[in-house]
């Protein structure tokens, strides 16, 4: 194969790999990072709810007037959220996933939140972190390959 043909072939490979990184790997990486961040937000929301519930239960147990529970409710199918204050709840509705909300006592809700956060951290977040790391490693490897191909192309052009 002549040097000119090799040069053209390397340019084509560089363009193909560059296009693959831009059109495939970078969007996959962004999707993986977005999924991880969404899981972290969900964990944060559950932990905030758990703290609110714990404070409410502790104050009620000591005979002190418990402060209202601050919560966020979905008023439009995951399109519009609203902050609310629940003055003295006996039961609350908790998002258990897949669009289902279940009425629970405060004790049941606290128990559910413990199990849900544990599941999210040990399974969902762990998996999403692994996926993001794998895609990031793929992007890094593709960029190294592009750099190597660029170096080979530079070497051919000097000849």
Protein backbone atom coordinates (compact mmCIF):
# COMPACT_ATOMS: atom_id res chain seq x y z
CA UNK A 1 0.00 0.00 0.00
CA UNK A 2 1.40 3.40 -0.94
CA UNK A 3 2.06 6.13 1.60
CA UNK A 4 -0.70 8.29 0.09
CA UNK A 5 -3.25 5.45 0.36
CA UNK A 6 -2.19 4.75 3.95
CA UNK A 7 -2.49 8.46 4.73
CA UNK A 8 -6.02 8.56 3.30
CA UNK A 9 -6.96 5.37 5.16
CA UNK A 10 -5.69 6.80 8.47
CA UNK A 11 -7.59 10.04 7.91
CA UNK A 12 -10.76 8.02 7.26
CA UNK A 13 -10.22 5.95 10.43
CA UNK A 14 -9.61 9.08 12.49
CA UNK A 15 -12.81 10.63 11.13
CA UNK A 16 -14.78 7.43 11.84
CA UNK A 17 -13.48 7.11 15.41
CA UNK A 18 -14.03 10.82 16.03
CA UNK A 19 -17.59 10.50 14.79
CA UNK A 20 -18.12 7.39 16.96
CA UNK A 21 -16.91 9.25 20.04
CA UNK A 22 -19.06 12.31 19.30
CA UNK A 23 -22.25 10.52 18.25
CA UNK A 24 -22.18 7.41 20.43
CA UNK A 25 -19.84 7.46 23.40
CA UNK A 26 -20.30 11.04 24.61
CA UNK A 27 -24.13 10.80 24.61
CA UNK A 28 -23.86 7.43 26.41
CA UNK A 29 -21.58 9.01 28.99
CA UNK A 30 -23.95 11.93 29.49
CA UNK A 31 -26.91 9.55 29.86
CA UNK A 32 -24.99 7.47 32.42
CA UNK A 33 -24.01 10.57 34.41
CA UNK A 34 -27.60 11.88 34.27
CA UNK A 35 -28.95 8.54 35.52
CA UNK A 36 -26.43 8.51 38.38
CA UNK A 37 -27.32 12.08 39.35
CA UNK A 38 -31.04 11.25 39.26
CA UNK A 39 -30.46 8.33 41.64
CA UNK A 40 -28.43 10.57 43.94
CA UNK A 41 -31.26 13.15 43.92
CA UNK A 42 -33.79 10.44 44.73
CA UNK A 43 -31.67 9.21 47.65
CA UNK A 44 -31.33 12.79 48.87
CA UNK A 45 -35.10 13.31 48.74
CA UNK A 46 -35.75 10.11 50.68
CA UNK A 47 -33.17 11.06 53.31
CA UNK A 48 -34.73 14.50 53.68
CA UNK A 49 -38.15 12.89 54.14
CA UNK A 50 -36.68 10.49 56.68
CA UNK A 51 -35.19 13.37 58.69
CA UNK A 52 -38.50 15.24 58.63
CA UNK A 53 -40.36 12.13 59.80
CA UNK A 54 -37.84 11.35 62.52
CA UNK A 55 -38.01 14.92 63.86
CA UNK A 56 -41.80 14.80 63.83
CA UNK A 57 -41.95 11.43 65.64
CA UNK A 58 -39.35 12.45 68.25
CA UNK A 59 -41.15 15.68 69.07
CA UNK A 60 -44.51 13.94 69.25
CA UNK A 61 -43.04 11.28 71.59
CA UNK A 62 -41.72 13.91 74.01
CA UNK A 63 -45.06 15.69 74.12
CA UNK A 64 -43.76 18.75 72.30
CA UNK A 65 -45.72 20.13 69.44
CA UNK A 66 -44.17 18.71 66.32
CA UNK A 67 -43.44 21.10 63.48
CA UNK A 68 -45.27 20.57 60.21
CA UNK A 69 -43.68 18.14 57.78
CA UNK A 70 -42.24 19.83 54.70
CA UNK A 71 -42.68 17.80 51.54
CA UNK A 72 -42.74 18.05 47.78
CA UNK A 73 -45.74 16.72 45.89
CA UNK A 74 -46.25 16.00 42.24
CA UNK A 75 -49.35 17.77 40.99
CA UNK A 76 -49.01 17.05 37.28
CA UNK A 77 -47.57 13.62 36.44
CA UNK A 78 -43.90 14.46 37.04
CA UNK A 79 -44.21 17.82 35.29
CA UNK A 80 -45.07 20.21 38.12
CA UNK A 81 -43.99 19.87 41.75
CA UNK A 82 -45.18 21.89 44.70
CA UNK A 83 -43.83 22.39 48.23
CA UNK A 84 -46.34 21.61 50.97
CA UNK A 85 -46.57 21.73 54.75
CA UNK A 86 -48.46 18.91 56.45
CA UNK A 87 -49.41 20.27 59.90
CA UNK A 88 -50.06 17.08 61.89
CA UNK A 89 -49.97 13.93 59.82
CA UNK A 90 -51.01 10.52 61.05
CA UNK A 91 -50.38 8.98 57.65
CA UNK A 92 -48.58 10.15 54.54
CA UNK A 93 -48.39 9.01 50.94
CA UNK A 94 -44.95 7.86 49.88
CA UNK A 95 -43.72 7.38 46.32
CA UNK A 96 -42.67 3.72 46.23
CA UNK A 97 -41.54 3.82 42.61
CA UNK A 98 -43.06 3.12 39.21
CA UNK A 99 -45.54 5.95 39.77
CA UNK A 100 -47.21 4.31 42.76
CA UNK A 101 -47.90 6.16 46.01
CA UNK A 102 -48.80 4.21 49.12
CA UNK A 103 -50.46 5.54 52.27
CA UNK A 104 -48.29 4.72 55.29
CA UNK A 105 -48.10 5.58 58.95
CA UNK A 106 -45.04 7.58 59.93
CA UNK A 107 -43.37 4.48 61.37
CA UNK A 108 -44.09 2.49 58.20
CA UNK A 109 -42.79 5.35 56.07
CA UNK A 110 -39.56 5.57 58.07
CA UNK A 111 -39.04 1.81 57.73
CA UNK A 112 -39.77 1.96 54.00
CA UNK A 113 -37.38 4.86 53.48
CA UNK A 114 -34.60 2.94 55.26
CA UNK A 115 -35.08 -0.05 52.96
CA UNK A 116 -35.51 2.11 49.84
CA UNK A 117 -32.34 4.12 50.45
CA UNK A 118 -30.44 0.92 51.20
CA UNK A 119 -31.67 -0.58 47.91
CA UNK A 120 -30.88 2.57 45.93
CA UNK A 121 -27.36 2.85 47.34
CA UNK A 122 -26.39 -0.83 47.20
CA UNK A 123 -27.99 -1.77 43.91
CA UNK A 124 -29.14 1.07 41.68
CA UNK A 125 -26.44 3.65 42.41
CA UNK A 126 -23.70 1.02 42.46
CA UNK A 127 -24.80 -0.23 39.01
CA UNK A 128 -25.11 3.29 37.59
CA UNK A 129 -21.65 4.21 38.88
CA UNK A 130 -20.24 1.09 37.23
CA UNK A 131 -21.94 1.93 33.91
CA UNK A 132 -20.69 5.53 34.01
CA UNK A 133 -17.15 4.36 34.79
CA UNK A 134 -17.24 1.83 31.94
CA UNK A 135 -18.45 4.40 29.40
CA UNK A 136 -15.90 6.96 30.67
CA UNK A 137 -13.16 4.35 30.22
CA UNK A 138 -14.45 3.64 26.68
CA UNK A 139 -14.31 7.37 25.85
CA UNK A 140 -10.80 7.60 27.27
CA UNK A 141 -9.64 4.58 25.24
CA UNK A 142 -11.19 5.94 22.06
CA UNK A 143 -9.48 9.31 22.59
CA UNK A 144 -6.13 7.54 23.14
CA UNK A 145 -6.67 5.62 19.92
CA UNK A 146 -7.43 8.85 18.09
CA UNK A 147 -4.25 10.36 19.52
CA UNK A 148 -2.21 7.35 18.37
CA UNK A 149 -3.74 7.47 14.91
CA UNK A 150 -3.02 11.21 14.75
CA UNK A 151 0.60 10.48 15.69
CA UNK A 152 0.87 7.85 12.96
CA UNK A 153 -0.65 10.28 10.47
CA UNK A 154 1.88 12.93 11.49
CA UNK A 155 4.69 10.41 11.04
CA UNK A 156 3.49 9.53 7.54
CA UNK A 157 3.20 13.16 6.50
CA UNK A 158 6.82 13.80 7.57
CA UNK A 159 8.05 11.01 5.28
